[in-house]
Amino acid sequence: MKNNSGFTLLEVLVGIFICSIILIFLIPNLVLEYENLTDMEQKLELKCILYEEITINDNKEFELIRDNYKIVVTENRATIENLVTGDFLEYK
């Protein structure tokens, strides 16, 4: 038996291998989840603005531009478009 309290070369290599596997699989998945969350957040923001304008406006059909958003509401359709990013949301 050894009285050495350090790591062997094999233990260090296994540790490096495990860390590299974690970085290879974990980091891309985290980036993908972040992209999905930002997309959902943008759609939720569009929905909130559209809902606010529909509840505030008394007319059944209207078209207006609020900040960077173009909102068009007709009898059977409501659309909102972000004029800066080009995001578009439509309800029928």
N, C-alpha and C. Protein backbone atom coordinates (compact mmCIF):
# COMPACT_ATOMS: atom_id res chain seq x y z
N MET A 1 0.82 -1.19 0.00
CA MET A 1 0.00 0.00 0.00
C MET A 1 0.86 1.25 0.00
N LYS A 2 0.28 2.27 -0.60
CA LYS A 2 1.01 3.53 -0.66
C LYS A 2 0.62 4.38 0.54
N ASN A 3 1.53 5.17 0.96
CA ASN A 3 1.24 6.15 2.00
C ASN A 3 1.05 7.53 1.37
N ASN A 4 0.92 7.54 0.06
CA ASN A 4 0.78 8.78 -0.68
C ASN A 4 -0.68 9.24 -0.61
N SER A 5 -0.90 10.52 -0.37
CA SER A 5 -2.27 11.03 -0.28
C SER A 5 -2.70 11.75 -1.56
N GLY A 6 -1.91 11.71 -2.62
CA GLY A 6 -2.25 12.38 -3.88
C GLY A 6 -3.07 11.49 -4.80
N PHE A 7 -3.41 12.04 -5.95
CA PHE A 7 -4.17 11.30 -6.95
C PHE A 7 -3.22 10.59 -7.90
N THR A 8 -3.64 9.44 -8.40
CA THR A 8 -2.85 8.76 -9.42
C THR A 8 -3.18 9.35 -10.77
N LEU A 9 -2.37 9.07 -11.75
CA LEU A 9 -2.60 9.58 -13.10
C LEU A 9 -3.93 9.08 -13.66
N LEU A 10 -4.28 7.85 -13.38
CA LEU A 10 -5.55 7.30 -13.85
C LEU A 10 -6.73 8.05 -13.26
N GLU A 11 -6.68 8.37 -11.99
CA GLU A 11 -7.77 9.11 -11.35
C GLU A 11 -7.91 10.51 -11.94
N VAL A 12 -6.79 11.15 -12.24
CA VAL A 12 -6.84 12.48 -12.84
C VAL A 12 -7.43 12.40 -14.25
N LEU A 13 -7.02 11.40 -15.02
CA LEU A 13 -7.55 11.25 -16.38
C LEU A 13 -9.05 10.95 -16.37
N VAL A 14 -9.50 10.11 -15.45
CA VAL A 14 -10.93 9.82 -15.33
C VAL A 14 -11.70 11.08 -14.94
N GLY A 15 -11.15 11.87 -14.03
CA GLY A 15 -11.80 13.12 -13.64
C GLY A 15 -11.90 14.09 -14.80
N ILE A 16 -10.84 14.21 -15.59
CA ILE A 16 -10.87 15.08 -16.76
C ILE A 16 -11.88 14.57 -17.78
N PHE A 17 -11.95 13.26 -17.96
CA PHE A 17 -12.92 12.68 -18.90
C PHE A 17 -14.35 12.98 -18.46
N ILE A 18 -14.64 12.82 -17.19
CA ILE A 18 -15.99 13.10 -16.68
C ILE A 18 -16.33 14.57 -16.85
N CYS A 19 -15.40 15.46 -16.56
CA CYS A 19 -15.65 16.90 -16.73
C CYS A 19 -15.88 17.25 -18.19
N SER A 20 -15.13 16.64 -19.09
CA SER A 20 -15.32 16.94 -20.51
C SER A 20 -16.67 16.43 -21.00
N ILE A 21 -17.11 15.28 -20.52
CA ILE A 21 -18.43 14.76 -20.90
C ILE A 21 -19.52 15.71 -20.40
N ILE A 22 -19.37 16.20 -19.19
CA ILE A 22 -20.36 17.15 -18.65
C ILE A 22 -20.39 18.41 -19.51
N LEU A 23 -19.23 18.93 -19.86
CA LEU A 23 -19.19 20.15 -20.66
C LEU A 23 -19.73 19.93 -22.07
N ILE A 24 -19.46 18.77 -22.65
CA ILE A 24 -19.91 18.50 -24.01
C ILE A 24 -21.43 18.39 -24.09
N PHE A 25 -22.06 17.77 -23.10
CA PHE A 25 -23.50 17.55 -23.15
C PHE A 25 -24.30 18.61 -22.41
N LEU A 26 -23.79 19.13 -21.33
CA LEU A 26 -24.57 20.05 -20.50
C LEU A 26 -24.63 21.45 -21.09
N ILE A 27 -23.52 21.99 -21.53
CA ILE A 27 -23.49 23.36 -22.01
C ILE A 27 -24.37 23.56 -23.26
N PRO A 28 -24.30 22.71 -24.29
CA PRO A 28 -25.20 22.92 -25.44
C PRO A 28 -26.68 22.81 -25.07
N ASN A 29 -27.01 21.91 -24.14
CA ASN A 29 -28.41 21.80 -23.72
C ASN A 29 -28.86 23.04 -22.98
N LEU A 30 -27.99 23.62 -22.17
CA LEU A 30 -28.34 24.86 -21.47
C LEU A 30 -28.54 26.00 -22.45
N VAL A 31 -27.70 26.08 -23.47
CA VAL A 31 -27.85 27.13 -24.49
C VAL A 31 -29.16 26.95 -25.25
N LEU A 32 -29.49 25.71 -25.60
CA LEU A 32 -30.74 25.44 -26.31
C LEU A 32 -31.95 25.80 -25.46
N GLU A 33 -31.92 25.46 -24.18
CA GLU A 33 -33.02 25.81 -23.29
C GLU A 33 -33.15 27.32 -23.14
N TYR A 34 -32.03 28.03 -23.09
CA TYR A 34 -32.08 29.49 -22.99
C TYR A 34 -32.72 30.09 -24.24
N GLU A 35 -32.38 29.57 -25.41
CA GLU A 35 -33.00 30.06 -26.64
C GLU A 35 -34.50 29.79 -26.65
N ASN A 36 -34.90 28.61 -26.18
CA ASN A 36 -36.34 28.29 -26.11
C ASN A 36 -37.05 29.22 -25.15
N LEU A 37 -36.43 29.51 -24.01
CA LEU A 37 -37.05 30.39 -23.03
C LEU A 37 -37.19 31.81 -23.57
N THR A 38 -36.19 32.31 -24.28
CA THR A 38 -36.30 33.66 -24.83
C THR A 38 -37.39 33.74 -25.90
N ASP A 39 -37.53 32.69 -26.71
CA ASP A 39 -38.61 32.67 -27.71
C ASP A 39 -39.98 32.69 -27.04
N MET A 40 -40.14 31.87 -26.01
CA MET A 40 -41.42 31.83 -25.30
C MET A 40 -41.70 33.16 -24.59
N GLU A 41 -40.65 33.79 -24.07
CA GLU A 41 -40.82 35.07 -23.39
C GLU A 41 -41.26 36.15 -24.38
N GLN A 42 -40.71 36.16 -25.58
CA GLN A 42 -41.11 37.13 -26.59
C GLN A 42 -42.56 36.91 -27.02
N LYS A 43 -42.97 35.66 -27.19
CA LYS A 43 -44.36 35.38 -27.56
C LYS A 43 -45.31 35.77 -26.44
N LEU A 44 -44.91 35.54 -25.20
CA LEU A 44 -45.75 35.93 -24.07
C LEU A 44 -45.89 37.44 -23.99
N GLU A 45 -44.82 38.15 -24.28
CA GLU A 45 -44.88 39.61 -24.29
C GLU A 45 -45.84 40.10 -25.37
N LEU A 46 -45.78 39.48 -26.54
CA LEU A 46 -46.71 39.85 -27.61
C LEU A 46 -48.15 39.57 -27.21
N LYS A 47 -48.39 38.43 -26.58
CA LYS A 47 -49.75 38.09 -26.14
C LYS A 47 -50.27 39.09 -25.12
N CYS A 48 -49.42 39.49 -24.18
CA CYS A 48 -49.84 40.44 -23.14
C CYS A 48 -50.20 41.79 -23.75
N ILE A 49 -49.38 42.27 -24.65
CA ILE A 49 -49.65 43.57 -25.28
C ILE A 49 -50.93 43.50 -26.11
N LEU A 50 -51.12 42.42 -26.84
CA LEU A 50 -52.34 42.26 -27.64
C LEU A 50 -53.57 42.20 -26.74
N TYR A 51 -53.48 41.47 -25.65
CA TYR A 51 -54.61 41.38 -24.72
C TYR A 51 -54.92 42.74 -24.11
N GLU A 52 -53.89 43.49 -23.73
CA GLU A 52 -54.11 44.82 -23.16
C GLU A 52 -54.83 45.73 -24.14
N GLU A 53 -54.40 45.72 -25.38
CA GLU A 53 -55.01 46.61 -26.36
C GLU A 53 -56.45 46.19 -26.68
N ILE A 54 -56.72 44.90 -26.71
CA ILE A 54 -58.08 44.44 -26.98
C ILE A 54 -59.01 44.83 -25.84
N THR A 55 -58.54 44.71 -24.60
CA THR A 55 -59.40 45.06 -23.46
C THR A 55 -59.56 46.56 -23.31
N ILE A 56 -58.56 47.33 -23.68
CA ILE A 56 -58.65 48.79 -23.54
C ILE A 56 -59.53 49.39 -24.63
N ASN A 57 -59.38 48.92 -25.85
CA ASN A 57 -60.07 49.51 -26.98
C ASN A 57 -61.54 49.09 -27.00
N ASP A 58 -62.40 50.07 -27.26
CA ASP A 58 -63.84 49.80 -27.28
C ASP A 58 -64.33 49.27 -28.62
N ASN A 59 -63.62 49.56 -29.68
CA ASN A 59 -64.04 49.12 -31.01
C ASN A 59 -63.75 47.63 -31.20
N LYS A 60 -64.60 46.98 -32.01
CA LYS A 60 -64.37 45.57 -32.31
C LYS A 60 -63.28 45.41 -33.35
N GLU A 61 -63.16 46.38 -34.23
CA GLU A 61 -62.14 46.33 -35.28
C GLU A 61 -61.31 47.60 -35.20
N PHE A 62 -60.00 47.42 -35.10
CA PHE A 62 -59.11 48.58 -35.04
C PHE A 62 -57.71 48.18 -35.49
N GLU A 63 -56.94 49.21 -35.82
CA GLU A 63 -55.55 49.03 -36.21
C GLU A 63 -54.76 50.17 -35.59
N LEU A 64 -53.70 49.83 -34.88
CA LEU A 64 -52.91 50.87 -34.24
C LEU A 64 -51.45 50.44 -34.10
N ILE A 65 -50.60 51.42 -33.83
CA ILE A 65 -49.19 51.15 -33.58
C ILE A 65 -48.88 51.64 -32.17
N ARG A 66 -48.43 50.73 -31.33
CA ARG A 66 -48.06 51.05 -29.95
C ARG A 66 -46.58 50.75 -29.78
N ASP A 67 -45.82 51.76 -29.46
CA ASP A 67 -44.36 51.66 -29.34
C ASP A 67 -43.80 51.01 -30.62
N ASN A 68 -43.28 49.82 -30.54
CA ASN A 68 -42.71 49.14 -31.70
C ASN A 68 -43.60 47.99 -32.18
N TYR A 69 -44.89 48.04 -31.86
CA TYR A 69 -45.79 46.95 -32.19
C TYR A 69 -46.93 47.45 -33.06
N LYS A 70 -47.23 46.71 -34.12
CA LYS A 70 -48.38 47.01 -34.97
C LYS A 70 -49.47 46.00 -34.63
N ILE A 71 -50.62 46.50 -34.24
CA ILE A 71 -51.72 45.65 -33.78
C ILE A 71 -52.90 45.85 -34.72
N VAL A 72 -53.41 44.74 -35.24
CA VAL A 72 -54.58 44.78 -36.12
C VAL A 72 -55.59 43.78 -35.58
N VAL A 73 -56.79 44.28 -35.28
CA VAL A 73 -57.87 43.42 -34.78
C VAL A 73 -59.06 43.59 -35.72
N THR A 74 -59.52 42.47 -36.26
CA THR A 74 -60.73 42.47 -37.08
C THR A 74 -61.77 41.62 -36.35
N GLU A 75 -62.87 41.37 -37.01
CA GLU A 75 -63.96 40.64 -36.36
C GLU A 75 -63.57 39.23 -35.94
N ASN A 76 -62.80 38.54 -36.77
CA ASN A 76 -62.46 37.15 -36.44
C ASN A 76 -60.96 36.89 -36.40
N ARG A 77 -60.15 37.95 -36.31
CA ARG A 77 -58.70 37.75 -36.32
C ARG A 77 -58.01 38.89 -35.57
N ALA A 78 -56.96 38.53 -34.84
CA ALA A 78 -56.14 39.52 -34.15
C ALA A 78 -54.68 39.22 -34.42
N THR A 79 -53.93 40.23 -34.85
CA THR A 79 -52.51 40.04 -35.13
C THR A 79 -51.70 41.13 -34.45
N ILE A 80 -50.49 40.77 -34.08
CA ILE A 80 -49.54 41.72 -33.52
C ILE A 80 -48.18 41.42 -34.13
N GLU A 81 -47.47 42.48 -34.49
CA GLU A 81 -46.15 42.33 -35.11
C GLU A 81 -45.18 43.28 -34.44
N ASN A 82 -44.03 42.76 -34.06
CA ASN A 82 -42.96 43.59 -33.53
C ASN A 82 -42.24 44.19 -34.73
N LEU A 83 -42.26 45.50 -34.85
CA LEU A 83 -41.68 46.15 -36.01
C LEU A 83 -40.16 46.13 -36.00
N VAL A 84 -39.55 45.93 -34.85
CA VAL A 84 -38.09 45.91 -34.76
C VAL A 84 -37.54 44.54 -35.10
N THR A 85 -38.07 43.50 -34.45
CA THR A 85 -37.54 42.15 -34.63
C THR A 85 -38.27 41.36 -35.71
N GLY A 86 -39.48 41.78 -36.06
CA GLY A 86 -40.25 41.05 -37.07
C GLY A 86 -41.04 39.89 -36.51
N ASP A 87 -41.08 39.72 -35.19
CA ASP A 87 -41.89 38.66 -34.59
C ASP A 87 -43.35 38.92 -34.89
N PHE A 88 -44.09 37.86 -35.14
CA PHE A 88 -45.48 37.97 -35.59
C PHE A 88 -46.31 36.94 -34.86
N LEU A 89 -47.48 37.36 -34.40
CA LEU A 89 -48.38 36.46 -33.70
C LEU A 89 -49.79 36.72 -34.21
N GLU A 90 -50.52 35.63 -34.50
CA GLU A 90 -51.86 35.77 -35.08
C GLU A 90 -52.82 34.82 -34.39
N TYR A 91 -54.00 35.34 -34.09
CA TYR A 91 -55.08 34.52 -33.54
C TYR A 91 -56.28 34.62 -34.46
N LYS A 92 -56.90 33.46 -34.73
CA LYS A 92 -58.11 33.45 -35.57
C LYS A 92 -59.29 33.02 -34.75
